[in-house]
N, C-alpha and C. Protein backbone atom coordinates (compact mmCIF):
# COMPACT_ATOMS: atom_id res chain seq x y z
N LEU A 1 19.30 2.70 -35.77
CA LEU A 1 18.27 2.10 -34.69
C LEU A 1 17.21 2.79 -34.71
N TYR A 2 17.08 4.13 -34.46
CA TYR A 2 15.96 4.72 -34.18
C TYR A 2 14.95 4.57 -35.28
N PHE A 3 15.17 4.55 -36.44
CA PHE A 3 14.28 4.67 -37.53
C PHE A 3 13.93 3.12 -37.80
N SER A 4 14.77 2.12 -37.34
CA SER A 4 14.36 0.64 -37.45
C SER A 4 13.16 0.54 -36.64
N LEU A 5 13.24 1.05 -35.35
CA LEU A 5 12.23 0.97 -34.38
C LEU A 5 10.97 1.72 -34.82
N TRP A 6 11.24 2.75 -35.53
CA TRP A 6 9.93 3.59 -35.93
C TRP A 6 9.14 2.79 -37.01
N PHE A 7 10.08 2.26 -38.00
CA PHE A 7 9.22 1.41 -39.01
C PHE A 7 8.73 0.14 -38.43
N ALA A 8 9.30 -0.53 -37.68
CA ALA A 8 8.86 -1.79 -36.78
C ALA A 8 7.53 -1.31 -36.00
N ALA A 9 7.46 -0.06 -35.41
CA ALA A 9 6.30 0.38 -34.64
C ALA A 9 5.23 0.67 -35.59
N ALA A 10 5.38 1.21 -36.70
CA ALA A 10 4.39 1.67 -37.75
C ALA A 10 3.85 0.34 -38.50
N ALA A 11 4.66 -0.90 -38.63
CA ALA A 11 4.12 -2.11 -39.23
C ALA A 11 3.24 -2.82 -38.04
N ALA A 12 3.63 -2.96 -36.96
CA ALA A 12 3.00 -3.84 -36.15
C ALA A 12 2.10 -3.21 -35.08
N TRP A 13 2.28 -2.01 -34.68
CA TRP A 13 1.33 -1.39 -33.76
C TRP A 13 0.48 -0.25 -34.01
N PRO A 14 -0.25 0.11 -33.39
CA PRO A 14 -1.35 1.40 -33.65
C PRO A 14 -0.27 2.40 -34.09
N GLN A 15 -0.72 3.27 -34.76
CA GLN A 15 0.21 4.52 -35.34
C GLN A 15 0.96 5.11 -34.28
N PRO A 16 2.29 5.20 -34.60
CA PRO A 16 3.27 5.97 -33.42
C PRO A 16 2.83 7.37 -33.51
N GLY A 17 3.23 7.97 -32.11
CA GLY A 17 3.19 9.44 -32.09
C GLY A 17 4.49 10.05 -31.97
N ILE A 18 4.38 11.30 -31.96
CA ILE A 18 5.57 11.97 -31.26
C ILE A 18 5.09 12.89 -30.16
N TYR A 19 5.80 12.36 -29.06
CA TYR A 19 5.31 13.16 -27.73
C TYR A 19 6.19 14.13 -27.09
N VAL A 20 5.47 15.17 -26.56
CA VAL A 20 6.35 16.41 -25.96
C VAL A 20 5.47 16.56 -24.95
N GLY A 21 6.21 17.38 -23.86
CA GLY A 21 5.52 17.74 -22.77
C GLY A 21 4.13 18.76 -23.15
N GLY A 22 3.47 19.00 -22.15
CA GLY A 22 2.21 19.78 -22.17
C GLY A 22 2.63 21.15 -22.80
N GLU A 23 3.75 21.80 -22.53
CA GLU A 23 4.14 23.22 -22.74
C GLU A 23 5.64 23.13 -23.09
N PRO A 24 5.95 22.51 -24.39
CA PRO A 24 7.49 22.42 -24.62
C PRO A 24 8.00 23.62 -24.84
N PRO A 25 9.37 23.64 -24.82
CA PRO A 25 10.16 24.97 -25.35
C PRO A 25 9.86 24.85 -26.95
N ALA A 26 10.03 26.19 -27.48
CA ALA A 26 9.77 26.20 -29.00
C ALA A 26 10.64 25.26 -29.64
N LEU A 27 12.14 25.32 -29.13
CA LEU A 27 13.01 24.35 -30.05
C LEU A 27 12.55 23.02 -29.99
N VAL A 28 12.07 22.40 -28.77
CA VAL A 28 11.59 20.90 -28.67
C VAL A 28 10.32 20.76 -29.69
N LEU A 29 9.42 21.73 -29.74
CA LEU A 29 8.37 21.64 -30.59
C LEU A 29 8.85 21.58 -32.19
N ASP A 30 9.81 22.46 -32.56
CA ASP A 30 10.44 22.51 -33.84
C ASP A 30 11.12 21.35 -34.30
N ALA A 31 11.66 20.49 -33.16
CA ALA A 31 12.15 19.15 -33.40
C ALA A 31 11.08 18.05 -33.65
N ALA A 32 10.16 18.29 -32.99
CA ALA A 32 8.84 17.39 -33.28
C ALA A 32 8.18 17.48 -34.56
N TYR A 33 8.13 18.83 -35.02
CA TYR A 33 7.65 19.04 -36.27
C TYR A 33 8.83 18.81 -37.55
N GLU A 34 9.90 18.75 -37.19
CA GLU A 34 11.12 18.35 -38.04
C GLU A 34 10.86 16.80 -38.27
N LEU A 35 10.63 16.10 -37.12
CA LEU A 35 10.54 14.78 -37.26
C LEU A 35 9.39 14.20 -37.83
N GLN A 36 8.42 14.85 -37.52
CA GLN A 36 7.05 14.64 -38.36
C GLN A 36 7.23 14.46 -39.77
N GLY A 37 7.82 15.78 -40.23
CA GLY A 37 8.06 15.78 -41.84
C GLY A 37 8.97 14.88 -42.17
N PHE A 38 9.81 14.61 -41.45
CA PHE A 38 10.83 13.30 -42.17
C PHE A 38 10.21 12.17 -41.89
N ILE A 39 9.52 11.88 -40.99
CA ILE A 39 8.81 10.47 -41.30
C ILE A 39 7.59 10.37 -42.44
N HIS A 40 7.07 11.60 -42.66
CA HIS A 40 6.23 11.75 -43.58
C HIS A 40 6.90 11.42 -45.03
N LEU A 41 8.22 12.18 -45.29
CA LEU A 41 8.73 12.20 -46.39
C LEU A 41 9.21 10.37 -46.78
N THR A 42 9.66 9.90 -45.57
CA THR A 42 10.06 8.43 -45.74
C THR A 42 9.14 7.39 -45.73
N THR A 43 8.03 7.48 -45.23
CA THR A 43 7.14 6.32 -44.83
C THR A 43 5.70 6.96 -45.53
N GLY A 44 5.46 8.16 -45.80
CA GLY A 44 4.17 8.71 -46.48
C GLY A 44 3.09 8.73 -45.15
N GLU A 45 3.37 8.43 -44.01
CA GLU A 45 2.42 8.53 -42.81
C GLU A 45 2.86 9.90 -42.16
N THR A 46 1.79 10.38 -41.70
CA THR A 46 1.97 11.43 -40.89
C THR A 46 1.81 11.34 -39.25
N ALA A 47 2.86 11.11 -38.41
CA ALA A 47 2.56 10.84 -36.99
C ALA A 47 2.04 12.17 -36.28
N PRO A 48 0.98 11.91 -35.40
CA PRO A 48 0.61 13.10 -34.82
C PRO A 48 1.69 13.36 -33.75
N ILE A 49 1.48 14.70 -33.53
CA ILE A 49 2.44 15.34 -32.37
C ILE A 49 1.48 15.55 -31.31
N VAL A 50 1.47 15.00 -30.08
CA VAL A 50 0.72 14.76 -28.72
C VAL A 50 1.50 15.62 -27.60
N ARG A 51 0.70 16.35 -27.23
CA ARG A 51 1.24 17.24 -26.17
C ARG A 51 0.59 16.61 -24.83
N SER A 52 1.63 16.39 -23.98
CA SER A 52 1.07 15.83 -22.64
C SER A 52 1.87 15.68 -21.61
N ASP A 53 1.36 15.92 -20.49
CA ASP A 53 2.36 15.96 -19.33
C ASP A 53 2.83 14.51 -18.78
N SER A 54 1.84 13.33 -19.49
CA SER A 54 2.47 12.10 -19.15
C SER A 54 2.23 11.35 -20.11
N MET A 55 2.97 10.14 -20.51
CA MET A 55 2.92 9.28 -21.55
C MET A 55 1.71 8.63 -21.47
N PRO A 56 0.92 8.16 -22.43
CA PRO A 56 -0.37 7.20 -22.51
C PRO A 56 0.25 5.81 -22.31
N GLU A 57 -0.56 5.03 -21.80
CA GLU A 57 -0.02 3.69 -21.55
C GLU A 57 -0.19 2.96 -23.07
N GLY A 58 1.04 2.36 -23.23
CA GLY A 58 1.11 1.50 -24.54
C GLY A 58 1.50 2.53 -25.57
N ALA A 59 1.95 3.73 -25.38
CA ALA A 59 2.34 4.75 -26.52
C ALA A 59 3.17 4.11 -27.25
N THR A 60 3.59 4.39 -28.78
CA THR A 60 4.66 4.02 -29.28
C THR A 60 5.16 5.19 -30.10
N GLY A 61 6.44 5.38 -30.51
CA GLY A 61 7.14 6.25 -31.32
C GLY A 61 8.09 6.82 -30.81
N ALA A 62 8.07 8.14 -30.44
CA ALA A 62 9.13 8.93 -29.79
C ALA A 62 8.42 9.87 -28.91
N VAL A 63 9.28 10.11 -27.93
CA VAL A 63 9.17 11.24 -26.92
C VAL A 63 10.28 12.21 -27.03
N LEU A 64 10.07 13.43 -26.77
CA LEU A 64 11.33 14.40 -27.10
C LEU A 64 11.12 15.51 -25.84
N GLY A 65 12.49 15.85 -25.55
CA GLY A 65 12.12 16.93 -24.62
C GLY A 65 13.43 17.05 -23.47
N THR A 66 13.47 18.10 -22.66
CA THR A 66 14.32 18.11 -21.69
C THR A 66 13.92 17.69 -20.34
N PRO A 67 14.76 17.65 -19.42
CA PRO A 67 14.46 17.30 -17.99
C PRO A 67 13.36 17.91 -17.64
N GLY A 68 13.04 19.26 -17.79
CA GLY A 68 12.06 20.03 -17.20
C GLY A 68 10.59 19.74 -17.90
N ASP A 69 10.90 19.22 -18.85
CA ASP A 69 9.43 19.40 -19.83
C ASP A 69 9.08 17.85 -20.34
N LEU A 70 9.94 16.74 -20.09
CA LEU A 70 9.48 15.44 -20.73
C LEU A 70 8.36 14.91 -20.33
N PRO A 71 7.34 14.36 -20.81
CA PRO A 71 6.14 13.68 -20.15
C PRO A 71 6.59 12.85 -19.38
N ALA A 72 5.89 12.62 -18.36
CA ALA A 72 6.09 11.64 -17.29
C ALA A 72 6.08 10.49 -17.80
N MET A 73 7.11 9.39 -17.59
CA MET A 73 6.98 7.91 -18.15
C MET A 73 7.87 7.07 -17.10
N ALA A 74 7.82 5.76 -17.47
CA ALA A 74 8.19 4.73 -16.44
C ALA A 74 9.77 5.16 -16.40
N ALA A 75 10.68 5.55 -17.36
CA ALA A 75 12.07 5.64 -17.11
C ALA A 75 12.18 7.20 -16.97
N SER A 76 13.16 7.56 -16.39
CA SER A 76 13.30 9.15 -16.18
C SER A 76 14.85 9.39 -16.35
N TRP A 77 14.88 10.90 -16.72
CA TRP A 77 16.08 11.27 -17.09
C TRP A 77 17.07 11.13 -16.20
N PRO A 78 18.57 10.97 -16.57
CA PRO A 78 18.96 10.77 -17.70
C PRO A 78 19.08 9.18 -18.09
N PHE A 79 17.97 8.39 -17.80
CA PHE A 79 18.01 7.12 -18.23
C PHE A 79 18.94 6.12 -17.95
N GLY A 80 19.50 6.48 -16.86
CA GLY A 80 20.81 5.52 -16.59
C GLY A 80 22.09 5.86 -17.10
N LEU A 81 22.24 7.08 -18.03
CA LEU A 81 23.20 7.31 -19.08
C LEU A 81 23.89 8.56 -18.52
N ASP A 82 25.28 8.74 -19.12
CA ASP A 82 25.62 10.04 -18.56
C ASP A 82 25.04 11.28 -19.07
N ILE A 83 24.92 12.25 -18.50
CA ILE A 83 24.32 13.49 -18.79
C ILE A 83 25.14 14.07 -19.90
N PRO A 84 24.74 14.45 -21.20
CA PRO A 84 25.49 15.03 -21.99
C PRO A 84 25.89 16.15 -21.87
N ALA A 85 27.13 16.75 -22.15
CA ALA A 85 27.47 18.36 -22.33
C ALA A 85 27.08 19.01 -23.25
N HIS A 86 26.71 20.36 -22.92
CA HIS A 86 26.48 21.53 -24.07
C HIS A 86 25.09 20.89 -24.41
N ASP A 87 25.33 20.89 -26.14
CA ASP A 87 24.03 20.53 -26.76
C ASP A 87 23.82 19.29 -27.17
N GLY A 88 24.48 18.40 -26.22
CA GLY A 88 24.27 16.82 -26.63
C GLY A 88 23.04 16.25 -25.99
N TYR A 89 22.91 14.96 -26.46
CA TYR A 89 21.60 14.37 -26.21
C TYR A 89 21.59 13.07 -26.09
N VAL A 90 20.81 12.29 -25.63
CA VAL A 90 20.73 10.77 -25.40
C VAL A 90 19.43 10.31 -26.31
N LEU A 91 19.83 9.23 -26.65
CA LEU A 91 18.90 8.32 -27.47
C LEU A 91 18.50 7.11 -26.46
N HIS A 92 17.30 7.00 -25.88
CA HIS A 92 16.99 5.85 -24.92
C HIS A 92 15.90 5.07 -25.35
N ASP A 93 16.08 3.82 -25.44
CA ASP A 93 14.93 2.75 -25.82
C ASP A 93 14.10 2.73 -24.35
N ALA A 94 12.97 3.48 -24.41
CA ALA A 94 11.97 3.61 -23.36
C ALA A 94 10.83 2.85 -23.31
N GLY A 95 10.89 2.21 -24.33
CA GLY A 95 9.50 1.35 -24.41
C GLY A 95 9.78 -0.26 -24.03
N THR A 96 8.67 -0.95 -24.61
CA THR A 96 8.85 -2.26 -24.20
C THR A 96 8.75 -3.06 -25.64
N PRO A 97 8.93 -4.47 -25.63
CA PRO A 97 8.74 -5.04 -27.04
C PRO A 97 7.31 -4.89 -27.57
N GLU A 98 6.23 -4.75 -26.68
CA GLU A 98 4.97 -4.61 -26.86
C GLU A 98 4.72 -3.18 -27.44
N ALA A 99 5.37 -2.21 -27.01
CA ALA A 99 5.13 -0.68 -27.46
C ALA A 99 6.32 -0.05 -27.39
N PRO A 100 7.11 -0.17 -28.71
CA PRO A 100 8.36 0.55 -28.70
C PRO A 100 8.34 2.14 -28.92
N LEU A 101 9.19 2.54 -27.93
CA LEU A 101 8.97 3.97 -27.81
C LEU A 101 10.60 4.60 -27.42
N ILE A 102 10.98 5.40 -28.42
CA ILE A 102 12.55 6.02 -28.21
C ILE A 102 12.41 7.41 -27.55
N ALA A 103 13.18 7.56 -26.71
CA ALA A 103 13.29 9.19 -26.17
C ALA A 103 14.47 9.76 -26.50
N VAL A 104 14.20 10.99 -26.95
CA VAL A 104 15.31 11.82 -27.39
C VAL A 104 15.27 12.88 -26.46
N ALA A 105 16.21 13.03 -25.64
CA ALA A 105 16.32 13.95 -24.57
C ALA A 105 17.56 14.66 -24.33
N ALA A 106 17.71 16.04 -23.76
CA ALA A 106 18.89 16.66 -23.60
C ALA A 106 18.65 17.83 -22.69
N PRO A 107 19.90 18.00 -21.87
CA PRO A 107 19.51 18.84 -21.08
C PRO A 107 19.17 20.09 -21.40
N GLU A 108 19.28 20.55 -22.59
CA GLU A 108 18.92 21.93 -23.09
C GLU A 108 18.15 21.80 -24.37
N ALA A 109 17.00 22.35 -24.74
CA ALA A 109 16.20 22.24 -25.68
C ALA A 109 17.09 22.38 -27.22
N LEU A 110 18.21 23.16 -27.13
CA LEU A 110 18.89 23.09 -28.33
C LEU A 110 19.52 21.57 -28.64
N GLY A 111 19.75 20.92 -27.72
CA GLY A 111 20.24 19.28 -28.03
C GLY A 111 19.00 18.55 -28.36
N VAL A 112 18.02 18.79 -28.08
CA VAL A 112 16.84 18.07 -28.56
C VAL A 112 16.87 18.37 -30.23
N ARG A 113 16.89 19.74 -30.52
CA ARG A 113 16.40 20.31 -31.85
C ARG A 113 17.79 19.49 -32.87
């Protein structure tokens, strides 16, 4: 599902980005770089990693983080889902049909990684 959204965003909207908080934990930033590398290997595109305390309007791509460092966005942690235990994470469709955005979030940075 995630990569289907990514490829749809890449084909139909401005270049998707990988969004993290303004000062993300090292593991969250590592996850962003890992995702960036995977996307580059599979599509040939290099998605920018954007550090921001809030999501730009119409942002597409992926947002990564923990409750303490996710950029501010319309939906908030835990997105109406159960809070995962240990190093678990949630995937949430945080976008709109016009601006697809997937959130990868966890209670701890290890879960995002």
